[in-house]
Amino acid sequence: MVPIGYYIGLSAILFTIGALGVLIRRNAIVIFMSVELMLNSANLVFVAFSRLYNELNGQIFVFFVMTVAAAEVAVGLALMVTIFRAKHSIDVDQMSSLKG
C-alpha cells in the first residue's frame, strides 16, 4: 500500500503547477487547463483520504467536483468561441475591454 504522504506530495506538486499556469500564462486555454489540473489535484487528495479512512464520502465529493469542472469547461469554451468571433484573438489581457 502506498503511504498517504506520497499522494499528498503529488497533489501539492500538481496544484503548484496549476497555480503557476494560471498566474504566469496569458493563453485562455492554458489557464483553463491549469484550473482543471488544480481541481484534479484536489480530487486526488479526496480519493486518497477516502481510501485511508475506508469511507465513500471523498469519492462522492470527487464525482460532484468533476461534474462542476465539466460544466465550467463547457461554459468557458463557449465564452472563448464568442470572444474569438468578436475579437479574432483569445488574449486574456484584451478581455478587460468587454466591460460595458
N, C-alpha and C. Protein backbone atom coordinates (compact mmCIF):
# COMPACT_ATOMS: atom_id res chain seq x y z
N MET A 1 0.84 -1.18 0.00
CA MET A 1 0.00 0.00 0.00
C MET A 1 0.89 1.25 0.00
N VAL A 2 0.55 2.20 -0.82
CA VAL A 2 1.33 3.43 -0.95
C VAL A 2 0.97 4.35 0.21
N PRO A 3 1.97 4.93 0.89
CA PRO A 3 1.68 5.83 2.01
C PRO A 3 0.92 7.08 1.55
N ILE A 4 0.12 7.62 2.45
CA ILE A 4 -0.72 8.78 2.14
C ILE A 4 0.12 10.01 1.83
N GLY A 5 1.32 10.08 2.36
CA GLY A 5 2.20 11.22 2.11
C GLY A 5 2.58 11.36 0.65
N TYR A 6 2.70 10.25 -0.05
CA TYR A 6 3.02 10.30 -1.48
C TYR A 6 1.88 10.94 -2.27
N TYR A 7 0.66 10.58 -1.91
CA TYR A 7 -0.50 11.17 -2.59
C TYR A 7 -0.58 12.67 -2.32
N ILE A 8 -0.35 13.05 -1.09
CA ILE A 8 -0.40 14.47 -0.73
C ILE A 8 0.72 15.23 -1.43
N GLY A 9 1.90 14.65 -1.49
CA GLY A 9 3.02 15.30 -2.17
C GLY A 9 2.76 15.47 -3.66
N LEU A 10 2.26 14.43 -4.30
CA LEU A 10 1.93 14.53 -5.73
C LEU A 10 0.84 15.55 -5.97
N SER A 11 -0.15 15.57 -5.09
CA SER A 11 -1.22 16.55 -5.23
C SER A 11 -0.70 17.97 -5.04
N ALA A 12 0.21 18.18 -4.11
CA ALA A 12 0.79 19.51 -3.91
C ALA A 12 1.58 19.96 -5.13
N ILE A 13 2.32 19.04 -5.72
CA ILE A 13 3.10 19.37 -6.92
C ILE A 13 2.16 19.73 -8.07
N LEU A 14 1.11 18.93 -8.28
CA LEU A 14 0.16 19.21 -9.35
C LEU A 14 -0.57 20.53 -9.12
N PHE A 15 -0.95 20.80 -7.88
CA PHE A 15 -1.63 22.06 -7.58
C PHE A 15 -0.71 23.25 -7.81
N THR A 16 0.56 23.12 -7.45
CA THR A 16 1.51 24.20 -7.67
C THR A 16 1.73 24.46 -9.15
N ILE A 17 1.84 23.43 -9.93
CA ILE A 17 1.98 23.59 -11.38
C ILE A 17 0.75 24.28 -11.96
N GLY A 18 -0.43 23.87 -11.51
CA GLY A 18 -1.66 24.50 -11.98
C GLY A 18 -1.76 25.97 -11.58
N ALA A 19 -1.39 26.27 -10.34
CA ALA A 19 -1.44 27.66 -9.88
C ALA A 19 -0.45 28.53 -10.65
N LEU A 20 0.73 28.00 -10.90
CA LEU A 20 1.70 28.76 -11.69
C LEU A 20 1.22 28.96 -13.12
N GLY A 21 0.54 27.97 -13.66
CA GLY A 21 -0.01 28.10 -15.01
C GLY A 21 -1.06 29.18 -15.08
N VAL A 22 -1.89 29.30 -14.05
CA VAL A 22 -2.91 30.35 -14.02
C VAL A 22 -2.27 31.72 -13.87
N LEU A 23 -1.25 31.81 -13.04
CA LEU A 23 -0.64 33.12 -12.76
C LEU A 23 0.29 33.61 -13.86
N ILE A 24 0.98 32.70 -14.53
CA ILE A 24 2.02 33.10 -15.47
C ILE A 24 1.52 33.18 -16.90
N ARG A 25 0.75 32.20 -17.34
CA ARG A 25 0.36 32.12 -18.75
C ARG A 25 -0.73 33.12 -19.09
N ARG A 26 -0.78 33.55 -20.36
CA ARG A 26 -1.77 34.50 -20.83
C ARG A 26 -2.76 33.88 -21.81
N ASN A 27 -2.57 32.65 -22.19
CA ASN A 27 -3.47 31.98 -23.11
C ASN A 27 -4.66 31.42 -22.32
N ALA A 28 -5.87 31.70 -22.78
CA ALA A 28 -7.07 31.30 -22.04
C ALA A 28 -7.20 29.78 -21.96
N ILE A 29 -6.82 29.08 -23.01
CA ILE A 29 -6.93 27.62 -22.99
C ILE A 29 -5.97 27.01 -21.98
N VAL A 30 -4.77 27.54 -21.88
CA VAL A 30 -3.80 27.05 -20.91
C VAL A 30 -4.27 27.37 -19.49
N ILE A 31 -4.92 28.50 -19.31
CA ILE A 31 -5.45 28.85 -17.99
C ILE A 31 -6.54 27.86 -17.59
N PHE A 32 -7.44 27.52 -18.52
CA PHE A 32 -8.47 26.53 -18.21
C PHE A 32 -7.85 25.17 -17.91
N MET A 33 -6.82 24.78 -18.63
CA MET A 33 -6.15 23.51 -18.35
C MET A 33 -5.50 23.53 -16.97
N SER A 34 -4.95 24.67 -16.59
CA SER A 34 -4.33 24.79 -15.27
C SER A 34 -5.36 24.70 -14.16
N VAL A 35 -6.52 25.30 -14.36
CA VAL A 35 -7.59 25.19 -13.37
C VAL A 35 -8.04 23.75 -13.24
N GLU A 36 -8.15 23.06 -14.35
CA GLU A 36 -8.51 21.64 -14.32
C GLU A 36 -7.45 20.81 -13.58
N LEU A 37 -6.19 21.16 -13.77
CA LEU A 37 -5.12 20.46 -13.06
C LEU A 37 -5.24 20.67 -11.56
N MET A 38 -5.57 21.88 -11.15
CA MET A 38 -5.74 22.16 -9.72
C MET A 38 -6.95 21.40 -9.15
N LEU A 39 -8.03 21.33 -9.90
CA LEU A 39 -9.20 20.57 -9.44
C LEU A 39 -8.88 19.08 -9.33
N ASN A 40 -8.13 18.56 -10.28
CA ASN A 40 -7.77 17.14 -10.24
C ASN A 40 -6.80 16.83 -9.10
N SER A 41 -5.95 17.79 -8.75
CA SER A 41 -5.07 17.56 -7.60
C SER A 41 -5.88 17.51 -6.30
N ALA A 42 -6.91 18.34 -6.21
CA ALA A 42 -7.79 18.27 -5.04
C ALA A 42 -8.55 16.94 -5.03
N ASN A 43 -8.97 16.48 -6.19
CA ASN A 43 -9.66 15.19 -6.28
C ASN A 43 -8.76 14.05 -5.83
N LEU A 44 -7.48 14.13 -6.15
CA LEU A 44 -6.54 13.09 -5.73
C LEU A 44 -6.47 13.01 -4.21
N VAL A 45 -6.45 14.15 -3.56
CA VAL A 45 -6.41 14.16 -2.09
C VAL A 45 -7.71 13.60 -1.51
N PHE A 46 -8.85 13.98 -2.10
CA PHE A 46 -10.13 13.45 -1.62
C PHE A 46 -10.17 11.93 -1.71
N VAL A 47 -9.73 11.39 -2.83
CA VAL A 47 -9.75 9.94 -3.01
C VAL A 47 -8.75 9.26 -2.09
N ALA A 48 -7.59 9.88 -1.90
CA ALA A 48 -6.58 9.28 -1.02
C ALA A 48 -7.09 9.19 0.42
N PHE A 49 -7.68 10.27 0.92
CA PHE A 49 -8.20 10.23 2.28
C PHE A 49 -9.44 9.35 2.40
N SER A 50 -10.21 9.30 1.34
CA SER A 50 -11.37 8.41 1.34
C SER A 50 -10.92 6.95 1.45
N ARG A 51 -9.85 6.64 0.75
CA ARG A 51 -9.34 5.27 0.81
C ARG A 51 -8.68 4.99 2.17
N LEU A 52 -8.02 6.01 2.73
CA LEU A 52 -7.35 5.83 4.02
C LEU A 52 -8.36 5.52 5.12
N TYR A 53 -9.48 6.24 5.12
CA TYR A 53 -10.47 6.07 6.17
C TYR A 53 -11.60 5.10 5.79
N ASN A 54 -11.50 4.46 4.63
CA ASN A 54 -12.47 3.47 4.16
C ASN A 54 -13.91 4.00 4.17
N GLU A 55 -14.07 5.22 3.66
CA GLU A 55 -15.39 5.82 3.52
C GLU A 55 -15.56 6.31 2.09
N LEU A 56 -16.78 6.40 1.65
CA LEU A 56 -17.05 6.82 0.27
C LEU A 56 -17.32 8.32 0.15
N ASN A 57 -17.30 9.06 1.23
CA ASN A 57 -17.63 10.48 1.17
C ASN A 57 -16.70 11.25 0.24
N GLY A 58 -15.43 10.98 0.29
CA GLY A 58 -14.47 11.67 -0.58
C GLY A 58 -14.69 11.36 -2.04
N GLN A 59 -15.00 10.11 -2.34
CA GLN A 59 -15.23 9.73 -3.73
C GLN A 59 -16.54 10.31 -4.27
N ILE A 60 -17.53 10.44 -3.43
CA ILE A 60 -18.77 11.08 -3.84
C ILE A 60 -18.53 12.56 -4.11
N PHE A 61 -17.73 13.19 -3.27
CA PHE A 61 -17.40 14.59 -3.46
C PHE A 61 -16.62 14.80 -4.75
N VAL A 62 -15.74 13.87 -5.08
CA VAL A 62 -14.98 13.94 -6.33
C VAL A 62 -15.93 13.87 -7.53
N PHE A 63 -16.96 13.06 -7.44
CA PHE A 63 -17.95 12.99 -8.52
C PHE A 63 -18.58 14.35 -8.76
N PHE A 64 -18.95 15.05 -7.70
CA PHE A 64 -19.56 16.37 -7.85
C PHE A 64 -18.56 17.40 -8.36
N VAL A 65 -17.32 17.33 -7.92
CA VAL A 65 -16.28 18.26 -8.41
C VAL A 65 -16.05 18.04 -9.90
N MET A 66 -16.03 16.80 -10.35
CA MET A 66 -15.84 16.52 -11.77
C MET A 66 -17.03 17.03 -12.59
N THR A 67 -18.23 16.94 -12.04
CA THR A 67 -19.41 17.45 -12.74
C THR A 67 -19.35 18.96 -12.89
N VAL A 68 -18.98 19.65 -11.83
CA VAL A 68 -18.85 21.11 -11.88
C VAL A 68 -17.72 21.51 -12.83
N ALA A 69 -16.62 20.76 -12.83
CA ALA A 69 -15.50 21.06 -13.72
C ALA A 69 -15.90 20.89 -15.18
N ALA A 70 -16.70 19.89 -15.48
CA ALA A 70 -17.15 19.70 -16.86
C ALA A 70 -18.06 20.84 -17.29
N ALA A 71 -18.92 21.29 -16.40
CA ALA A 71 -19.78 22.43 -16.72
C ALA A 71 -18.96 23.71 -16.90
N GLU A 72 -17.94 23.86 -16.08
CA GLU A 72 -17.06 25.04 -16.19
C GLU A 72 -16.32 25.05 -17.51
N VAL A 73 -15.88 23.91 -17.97
CA VAL A 73 -15.18 23.83 -19.25
C VAL A 73 -16.13 24.15 -20.39
N ALA A 74 -17.35 23.63 -20.32
CA ALA A 74 -18.32 23.90 -21.39
C ALA A 74 -18.64 25.38 -21.49
N VAL A 75 -18.88 26.03 -20.36
CA VAL A 75 -19.18 27.47 -20.37
C VAL A 75 -17.95 28.27 -20.78
N GLY A 76 -16.79 27.87 -20.29
CA GLY A 76 -15.56 28.59 -20.64
C GLY A 76 -15.24 28.50 -22.12
N LEU A 77 -15.38 27.33 -22.70
CA LEU A 77 -15.12 27.19 -24.13
C LEU A 77 -16.14 27.96 -24.97
N ALA A 78 -17.39 28.00 -24.53
CA ALA A 78 -18.40 28.78 -25.24
C ALA A 78 -18.05 30.27 -25.19
N LEU A 79 -17.58 30.73 -24.04
CA LEU A 79 -17.15 32.14 -23.93
C LEU A 79 -15.95 32.42 -24.81
N MET A 80 -15.01 31.49 -24.86
CA MET A 80 -13.82 31.71 -25.70
C MET A 80 -14.19 31.76 -27.17
N VAL A 81 -15.10 30.91 -27.61
CA VAL A 81 -15.52 30.94 -29.01
C VAL A 81 -16.21 32.27 -29.33
N THR A 82 -17.04 32.74 -28.42
CA THR A 82 -17.73 34.01 -28.63
C THR A 82 -16.74 35.17 -28.67
N ILE A 83 -15.78 35.16 -27.78
CA ILE A 83 -14.77 36.23 -27.76
C ILE A 83 -13.90 36.16 -29.00
N PHE A 84 -13.55 34.95 -29.44
CA PHE A 84 -12.72 34.82 -30.63
C PHE A 84 -13.46 35.33 -31.87
N ARG A 85 -14.75 35.08 -31.94
CA ARG A 85 -15.52 35.58 -33.09
C ARG A 85 -15.57 37.10 -33.11
N ALA A 86 -15.63 37.72 -31.94
CA ALA A 86 -15.73 39.18 -31.88
C ALA A 86 -14.36 39.86 -32.03
N LYS A 87 -13.33 39.31 -31.39
CA LYS A 87 -12.01 39.96 -31.33
C LYS A 87 -10.95 39.34 -32.24
N HIS A 88 -11.18 38.14 -32.73
CA HIS A 88 -10.20 37.38 -33.53
C HIS A 88 -8.92 37.11 -32.75
N SER A 89 -9.05 37.05 -31.43
CA SER A 89 -7.94 36.73 -30.55
C SER A 89 -8.52 36.26 -29.21
N ILE A 90 -7.77 35.41 -28.52
CA ILE A 90 -8.18 34.96 -27.20
C ILE A 90 -7.12 35.36 -26.18
N ASP A 91 -6.67 36.59 -26.26
CA ASP A 91 -5.67 37.09 -25.33
C ASP A 91 -6.38 37.54 -24.05
N VAL A 92 -5.90 37.07 -22.91
CA VAL A 92 -6.53 37.37 -21.64
C VAL A 92 -6.45 38.86 -21.33
N ASP A 93 -5.41 39.51 -21.76
CA ASP A 93 -5.27 40.94 -21.50
C ASP A 93 -6.32 41.76 -22.21
N GLN A 94 -6.84 41.30 -23.33
CA GLN A 94 -7.86 42.03 -24.07
C GLN A 94 -9.27 41.79 -23.53
N MET A 95 -9.44 40.85 -22.64
CA MET A 95 -10.76 40.55 -22.13
C MET A 95 -11.29 41.64 -21.23
N SER A 96 -10.43 42.50 -20.71
CA SER A 96 -10.93 43.60 -19.89
C SER A 96 -11.68 44.62 -20.72
N SER A 97 -11.53 44.60 -22.04
CA SER A 97 -12.26 45.53 -22.90
C SER A 97 -13.72 45.12 -23.10
N LEU A 98 -14.14 44.00 -22.51
CA LEU A 98 -15.52 43.56 -22.62
C LEU A 98 -16.42 44.25 -21.62
N LYS A 99 -15.86 45.10 -20.78
CA LYS A 99 -16.68 45.79 -19.78
C LYS A 99 -17.66 46.70 -20.48
N GLY A 100 -18.88 46.79 -19.92
CA GLY A 100 -19.95 47.57 -20.53
C GLY A 100 -19.73 49.01 -20.45
